[in-house]
Amino acid sequence: MYISSSVANQCERSCAGGERAGDYERLSTSLKKGASAAVVGQGNARQEYKSARQDQEEVPNALTVLFNMLTDAIAKLMQLLGDEATPGVIKPDTPSVAVQEKTILPVTPKPREALVDFSSRQNGEKPSNIWSGLYEQKQVFAQDYNVSTHVATIKVAMMRFGQSPMDVFRSVTPSGDGYDVTMRDDFKVHLSRGELKQVASSSNFSGDDQGMLKDANFILAAFIKRKKEGNVGNPPYASFDVALQESLKGEFHKRMLEGLGLVGHMRQALTGHLLEKGAIGLIDLSYRRSVAVIEGAMDQHGRKGEAPTRSHGYVLV
């Protein structure tokens, strides 16, 4: 408790006349000493309080400085590590061997390799003149060949799929001394250039389109090779030439279509179906004689003829 000097003096005056003045004097001296001690204690307390306040103020400042130092250190560490310190980012390992960058050029389709045994038509192109480009000449007395069905079947196949053998068949690939042919029913044959020449000299095809004639002879050669192997409703033949000569006497249109691998595309049809718009097919005329029906008209030896009035046949789809 704080006791001022004035209080001590008043106490001394009030007790000055008492019988025990000496006691009061001693009491006054004690009170003065106590007051001085109180003043000194208060000063010390104030100093201690001030020092404590300073200590309390310095603690947050020190924490702030420490936080800033840690933040700077983390930032520098992240700069050194780069993307590896960023969550969710996977950085590929640096290859131990230097890899040279390679420029990838765009792929452009290459033109088909020129094949001497084909025409230049490709990609489903139809014959420029389906009538006069390929046809069978009129039969004469004692003629020993009949290629009407061969011509009719090849014509409708060209009109449906394209003139080139590469369009009529699933694939045609140069191989060895000739070509590997895969038909649309996945039957495979190999044709030599010798066999192609043999067919071209024996087929008796006529026409004013040399490219179409070349393609027709190739297609016929593939049929003859399949016939030779005994896969056209007949036993195998002893040779390619024997199969060719036998076939040139005449064929049934159903076997001819099957022998070209078109079994999955042939549908039986009556005359009315063959007259429908876009219909492509062939009909029987007589024993082993057939004719193509295109654009609703029959093929008559290289010219567009009349519409069929009877019979039935097949359409290609």
Protein backbone atom coordinates (compact mmCIF):
# COMPACT_ATOMS: atom_id res chain seq x y z
CA MET A 1 0.00 0.00 0.00
CA TYR A 2 1.29 3.49 -0.87
CA ILE A 3 1.51 6.10 2.12
CA SER A 4 2.47 9.63 1.21
CA SER A 5 4.81 11.91 3.26
CA SER A 6 1.93 14.31 4.13
CA VAL A 7 0.00 11.59 5.91
CA ALA A 8 3.01 10.78 7.96
CA ASN A 9 3.44 14.44 8.92
CA GLN A 10 -0.21 14.79 9.98
CA CYS A 11 0.07 11.76 12.16
CA GLU A 12 3.15 13.22 13.78
CA ARG A 13 1.40 16.56 14.58
CA SER A 14 -1.66 14.90 16.01
CA CYS A 15 0.39 12.84 18.37
CA ALA A 16 3.02 15.46 19.27
CA GLY A 17 1.49 16.32 22.65
CA GLY A 18 0.84 12.83 23.81
CA GLU A 19 2.54 11.21 26.67
CA ARG A 20 4.24 8.81 24.50
CA ALA A 21 5.73 11.28 22.00
CA GLY A 22 8.82 9.19 21.62
CA ASP A 23 6.77 6.25 20.55
CA TYR A 24 4.95 8.38 18.01
CA GLU A 25 8.23 9.71 16.75
CA ARG A 26 9.50 6.23 16.26
CA LEU A 27 6.24 5.28 14.55
CA SER A 28 6.55 8.27 12.24
CA THR A 29 10.05 7.30 11.31
CA SER A 30 8.90 3.77 10.56
CA LEU A 31 6.04 5.06 8.45
CA LYS A 32 8.37 7.31 6.47
CA LYS A 33 10.72 4.43 5.86
CA GLY A 34 7.77 2.27 4.78
CA ALA A 35 6.55 5.00 2.44
CA SER A 36 9.97 5.28 0.87
CA ALA A 37 10.18 1.53 0.47
CA ALA A 38 6.72 1.53 -1.12
CA VAL A 39 7.78 4.20 -3.59
CA VAL A 40 10.90 2.23 -4.45
CA GLY A 41 8.86 -1.00 -4.81
CA GLN A 42 6.37 0.72 -7.06
CA GLY A 43 9.19 1.92 -9.29
CA ASN A 44 10.66 -1.56 -9.46
CA ALA A 45 7.23 -3.01 -10.30
CA ARG A 46 6.77 -0.48 -13.05
CA GLN A 47 10.19 -1.33 -14.47
CA GLU A 48 9.47 -5.06 -14.35
CA TYR A 49 6.07 -4.52 -16.00
CA LYS A 50 7.64 -2.43 -18.73
CA SER A 51 10.32 -5.07 -19.29
CA ALA A 52 7.67 -7.80 -19.50
CA ARG A 53 5.70 -5.75 -22.00
CA GLN A 54 8.78 -5.35 -24.14
CA ASP A 55 9.43 -9.10 -23.99
CA GLN A 56 5.82 -9.81 -25.05
CA GLU A 57 6.13 -7.39 -27.96
CA GLU A 58 9.41 -8.90 -29.11
CA VAL A 59 8.06 -12.52 -29.27
CA PRO A 60 5.57 -11.91 -32.18
CA ASN A 61 8.22 -9.94 -34.02
CA ALA A 62 10.66 -12.82 -33.70
CA LEU A 63 8.02 -15.31 -34.92
CA THR A 64 7.26 -13.08 -37.90
CA VAL A 65 10.93 -12.86 -38.82
CA LEU A 66 11.28 -16.66 -38.48
CA PHE A 67 8.17 -17.28 -40.66
CA ASN A 68 9.49 -14.96 -43.35
CA MET A 69 12.84 -16.75 -43.33
CA LEU A 70 11.14 -20.14 -43.70
CA THR A 71 8.94 -18.84 -46.54
CA ASP A 72 11.97 -17.51 -48.42
CA ALA A 73 13.80 -20.80 -47.93
CA ILE A 74 10.82 -22.85 -49.27
CA ALA A 75 10.47 -20.56 -52.29
CA LYS A 76 14.17 -20.94 -53.17
CA LEU A 77 13.91 -24.73 -52.72
CA MET A 78 10.93 -24.92 -55.10
CA GLN A 79 12.82 -22.89 -57.70
CA LEU A 80 15.67 -25.37 -57.54
CA LEU A 81 13.37 -28.40 -57.81
CA GLY A 82 11.13 -26.93 -60.54
CA ASP A 83 7.98 -28.95 -61.53
CA GLU A 84 8.98 -31.84 -59.28
CA ALA A 85 7.81 -29.81 -56.28
CA THR A 86 4.39 -29.13 -57.80
CA PRO A 87 1.75 -31.67 -56.72
CA GLY A 88 0.06 -33.56 -59.52
CA VAL A 89 2.79 -32.85 -62.09
CA ILE A 90 4.86 -35.81 -63.28
CA LYS A 91 8.12 -34.86 -64.89
CA PRO A 92 9.63 -37.55 -67.16
CA ASP A 93 13.14 -38.69 -66.49
CA THR A 94 15.77 -37.16 -68.67
CA PRO A 95 16.92 -39.82 -71.18
CA SER A 96 20.45 -40.98 -70.68
CA VAL A 97 20.96 -41.08 -74.45
CA ALA A 98 20.37 -37.99 -76.53
CA VAL A 99 17.34 -38.47 -78.80
CA GLN A 100 17.23 -36.50 -82.01
CA GLU A 101 13.85 -35.06 -82.91
CA LYS A 102 12.44 -36.53 -86.11
CA THR A 103 10.11 -34.59 -88.33
CA ILE A 104 7.06 -36.67 -89.22
CA LEU A 105 5.82 -35.85 -92.68
CA PRO A 106 2.09 -36.20 -93.47
CA VAL A 107 1.13 -39.45 -95.18
CA THR A 108 -0.06 -38.93 -98.73
CA PRO A 109 -1.60 -41.73 -100.79
CA LYS A 110 0.76 -43.05 -103.43
CA PRO A 111 -0.50 -43.63 -106.94
CA ARG A 112 -1.03 -47.26 -107.85
CA GLU A 113 1.98 -48.89 -109.41
CA ALA A 114 1.62 -49.14 -113.17
CA LEU A 115 0.85 -52.79 -114.04
CA VAL A 116 1.28 -53.81 -117.66
CA ASP A 117 -1.41 -56.49 -117.38
CA PHE A 118 -4.12 -54.00 -116.29
CA SER A 119 -5.79 -50.93 -117.69
CA SER A 120 -5.27 -47.57 -116.00
CA ARG A 121 -8.76 -47.52 -114.49
CA GLN A 122 -8.97 -47.83 -110.72
CA ASN A 123 -10.92 -47.03 -107.53
CA GLY A 124 -14.21 -48.40 -108.84
CA GLU A 125 -14.20 -46.57 -112.19
CA LYS A 126 -16.80 -48.05 -114.52
CA PRO A 127 -16.10 -48.81 -118.22
CA SER A 128 -16.28 -45.76 -120.43
CA ASN A 129 -18.51 -47.66 -122.90
CA ILE A 130 -20.03 -50.82 -121.47
CA TRP A 131 -21.60 -51.79 -124.80
CA SER A 132 -18.85 -51.55 -127.45
CA GLY A 133 -15.84 -51.77 -125.15
CA LEU A 134 -16.25 -55.55 -124.80
CA TYR A 135 -18.56 -57.93 -126.61
CA GLU A 136 -18.90 -61.36 -128.21
CA GLN A 137 -18.96 -61.51 -131.99
CA LYS A 138 -21.92 -63.13 -133.65
CA GLN A 139 -21.56 -66.86 -133.95
CA VAL A 140 -20.95 -68.34 -137.35
CA PHE A 141 -21.69 -71.81 -138.70
CA ALA A 142 -19.58 -74.57 -137.14
CA GLN A 143 -18.10 -72.18 -134.57
CA ASP A 144 -16.65 -74.26 -131.74
CA TYR A 145 -16.57 -71.62 -129.01
CA ASN A 146 -19.21 -69.78 -127.01
CA VAL A 147 -18.12 -66.91 -124.72
CA SER A 148 -21.49 -65.20 -124.32
CA THR A 149 -21.76 -66.09 -120.63
CA HIS A 150 -18.14 -65.09 -119.99
CA VAL A 151 -18.71 -61.65 -121.56
CA ALA A 152 -22.06 -61.12 -119.80
CA THR A 153 -20.70 -62.07 -116.35
CA ILE A 154 -17.56 -59.97 -116.69
CA LYS A 155 -19.58 -56.95 -117.88
CA VAL A 156 -22.02 -56.98 -114.97
CA ALA A 157 -19.13 -57.45 -112.49
CA MET A 158 -17.34 -54.43 -113.98
CA MET A 159 -20.52 -52.33 -113.80
CA ARG A 160 -21.16 -53.28 -110.18
CA PHE A 161 -17.64 -53.08 -108.71
CA GLY A 162 -15.43 -51.31 -111.26
CA GLN A 163 -13.63 -52.24 -114.47
CA SER A 164 -10.26 -53.14 -112.93
CA PRO A 165 -9.59 -56.67 -111.64
CA MET A 166 -8.43 -54.96 -108.44
CA ASP A 167 -12.04 -53.79 -107.96
CA VAL A 168 -13.79 -56.96 -109.12
CA PHE A 169 -11.67 -59.08 -106.76
CA ARG A 170 -10.84 -58.45 -103.13
CA SER A 171 -7.13 -58.06 -103.86
CA VAL A 172 -4.61 -58.52 -106.64
CA THR A 173 -0.93 -58.50 -105.66
CA PRO A 174 2.13 -58.88 -107.90
CA SER A 175 3.97 -62.03 -106.83
CA GLY A 176 6.78 -64.00 -108.45
CA ASP A 177 6.04 -64.67 -112.09
CA GLY A 178 2.54 -63.19 -111.92
CA TYR A 179 -0.16 -62.25 -109.42
CA ASP A 180 -1.82 -63.55 -106.27
CA VAL A 181 -5.58 -63.05 -106.51
CA THR A 182 -8.01 -63.18 -103.59
CA MET A 183 -11.64 -63.30 -104.69
CA ARG A 184 -14.55 -61.78 -102.78
CA ASP A 185 -15.39 -65.17 -101.24
CA ASP A 186 -11.73 -65.39 -100.05
CA PHE A 187 -10.80 -68.10 -102.58
CA LYS A 188 -7.18 -67.59 -103.71
CA VAL A 189 -5.41 -68.38 -106.96
CA HIS A 190 -2.05 -67.53 -108.48
CA LEU A 191 -1.85 -66.43 -112.11
CA SER A 192 1.36 -66.52 -114.11
CA ARG A 193 2.01 -64.10 -116.96
CA GLY A 194 2.15 -67.13 -119.26
CA GLU A 195 -1.42 -68.05 -118.31
CA LEU A 196 -2.55 -64.46 -118.91
CA LYS A 197 -1.06 -64.51 -122.42
CA GLN A 198 -2.68 -67.87 -123.11
CA VAL A 199 -6.14 -66.54 -122.20
CA ALA A 200 -5.65 -63.32 -124.20
CA SER A 201 -4.83 -65.32 -127.34
CA SER A 202 -7.75 -67.77 -126.95
CA SER A 203 -10.70 -65.87 -125.43
CA ASN A 204 -12.09 -64.52 -128.73
CA PHE A 205 -13.23 -61.33 -126.97
CA SER A 206 -13.98 -58.35 -129.19
CA GLY A 207 -14.26 -54.63 -128.40
CA ASP A 208 -12.99 -51.13 -129.11
CA ASP A 209 -11.50 -50.50 -125.63
CA GLN A 210 -8.11 -52.17 -125.38
CA GLY A 211 -7.88 -51.49 -121.62
CA MET A 212 -11.26 -53.09 -121.03
CA LEU A 213 -10.22 -56.12 -123.10
CA LYS A 214 -7.03 -56.46 -121.06
CA ASP A 215 -8.99 -56.34 -117.78
CA ALA A 216 -11.58 -58.83 -119.11
CA ASN A 217 -8.89 -61.36 -120.06
CA PHE A 218 -7.33 -61.06 -116.57
CA ILE A 219 -10.71 -61.69 -114.91
CA LEU A 220 -11.35 -64.66 -117.20
CA ALA A 221 -7.90 -66.11 -116.42
CA ALA A 222 -8.68 -66.05 -112.67
CA PHE A 223 -11.94 -67.93 -113.36
CA ILE A 224 -10.14 -70.54 -115.50
CA LYS A 225 -7.50 -71.08 -112.80
CA ARG A 226 -10.20 -71.74 -110.24
CA LYS A 227 -11.98 -74.07 -112.66
CA LYS A 228 -8.72 -75.93 -113.28
CA GLU A 229 -8.40 -76.60 -109.53
CA GLY A 230 -11.88 -78.18 -109.48
CA ASN A 231 -13.73 -75.47 -107.56
CA VAL A 232 -16.44 -74.51 -110.05
CA GLY A 233 -18.72 -77.56 -109.78
CA ASN A 234 -16.35 -79.77 -111.72
CA PRO A 235 -13.46 -82.17 -111.03
CA PRO A 236 -9.92 -80.78 -111.35
CA TYR A 237 -8.52 -80.52 -114.85
CA ALA A 238 -5.13 -81.87 -115.89
CA SER A 239 -3.85 -78.46 -116.93
CA PHE A 240 -4.75 -74.80 -117.26
CA ASP A 241 -5.06 -75.16 -121.06
CA VAL A 242 -7.50 -78.07 -120.78
CA ALA A 243 -9.70 -76.08 -118.37
CA LEU A 244 -9.57 -73.06 -120.71
CA GLN A 245 -10.58 -74.99 -123.83
CA GLU A 246 -13.42 -76.72 -122.01
CA SER A 247 -14.75 -73.43 -120.62
CA LEU A 248 -14.72 -71.68 -124.01
CA LYS A 249 -17.36 -74.16 -125.22
CA GLY A 250 -19.86 -72.38 -122.94
CA GLU A 251 -20.70 -71.85 -119.27
CA PHE A 252 -23.79 -71.62 -117.09
CA HIS A 253 -24.22 -68.11 -115.70
CA LYS A 254 -24.65 -69.35 -112.11
CA ARG A 255 -21.34 -71.25 -112.19
CA MET A 256 -19.61 -68.33 -113.84
CA LEU A 257 -20.73 -65.94 -111.08
CA GLU A 258 -19.69 -68.42 -108.39
CA GLY A 259 -16.36 -69.04 -110.13
CA LEU A 260 -15.55 -65.31 -109.90
CA GLY A 261 -16.18 -65.38 -106.16
CA LEU A 262 -19.43 -63.35 -106.37
CA VAL A 263 -21.68 -65.84 -104.59
CA GLY A 264 -22.32 -63.35 -101.78
CA HIS A 265 -23.50 -60.69 -104.24
CA MET A 266 -25.78 -62.69 -106.59
CA ARG A 267 -29.56 -62.79 -106.19
CA GLN A 268 -32.08 -64.68 -108.33
CA ALA A 269 -34.33 -62.32 -110.25
CA LEU A 270 -37.25 -62.30 -112.63
CA THR A 271 -37.40 -60.09 -115.69
CA GLY A 272 -39.28 -57.40 -113.79
CA HIS A 273 -36.45 -57.10 -111.24
CA LEU A 274 -33.91 -56.65 -114.03
CA LEU A 275 -35.91 -53.69 -115.37
CA GLU A 276 -35.78 -51.79 -112.08
CA LYS A 277 -33.68 -48.65 -111.95
CA GLY A 278 -30.04 -49.39 -111.19
CA ALA A 279 -30.42 -53.15 -111.63
CA ILE A 280 -27.38 -54.94 -113.06
CA GLY A 281 -27.68 -58.62 -113.96
CA LEU A 282 -27.82 -61.29 -116.64
CA ILE A 283 -30.35 -63.77 -118.00
CA ASP A 284 -30.34 -67.10 -119.82
CA LEU A 285 -30.98 -67.10 -123.56
CA SER A 286 -30.45 -70.78 -124.24
CA TYR A 287 -28.27 -73.68 -123.16
CA ARG A 288 -25.02 -72.19 -121.84
CA ARG A 289 -25.78 -68.84 -123.44
CA SER A 290 -26.42 -65.71 -121.41
CA VAL A 291 -26.66 -61.96 -121.95
CA ALA A 292 -26.03 -58.97 -119.71
CA VAL A 293 -28.94 -56.69 -118.77
CA ILE A 294 -27.80 -53.16 -117.95
CA GLU A 295 -29.91 -50.00 -117.69
CA GLY A 296 -32.97 -52.13 -118.48
CA ALA A 297 -31.58 -53.23 -121.86
CA MET A 298 -29.90 -56.39 -123.17
CA ASP A 299 -26.41 -56.37 -124.60
CA GLN A 300 -26.54 -57.25 -128.28
CA HIS A 301 -23.01 -57.83 -129.58
CA GLY A 302 -21.59 -54.44 -128.67
CA ARG A 303 -24.68 -52.25 -128.75
CA LYS A 304 -27.58 -51.46 -126.43
CA GLY A 305 -30.52 -53.67 -127.30
CA GLU A 306 -34.11 -54.05 -126.25
CA ALA A 307 -35.52 -54.77 -122.82
CA PRO A 308 -35.88 -58.44 -121.89
CA THR A 309 -39.41 -59.77 -122.07
CA ARG A 310 -39.03 -63.22 -120.56
CA SER A 311 -36.68 -65.58 -118.75
CA HIS A 312 -35.09 -65.17 -115.37
CA GLY A 313 -31.54 -64.71 -114.15
CA TYR A 314 -29.43 -63.04 -111.47
CA VAL A 315 -28.77 -59.51 -110.31
CA LEU A 316 -25.60 -58.36 -108.56
CA VAL A 317 -25.96 -56.44 -105.32
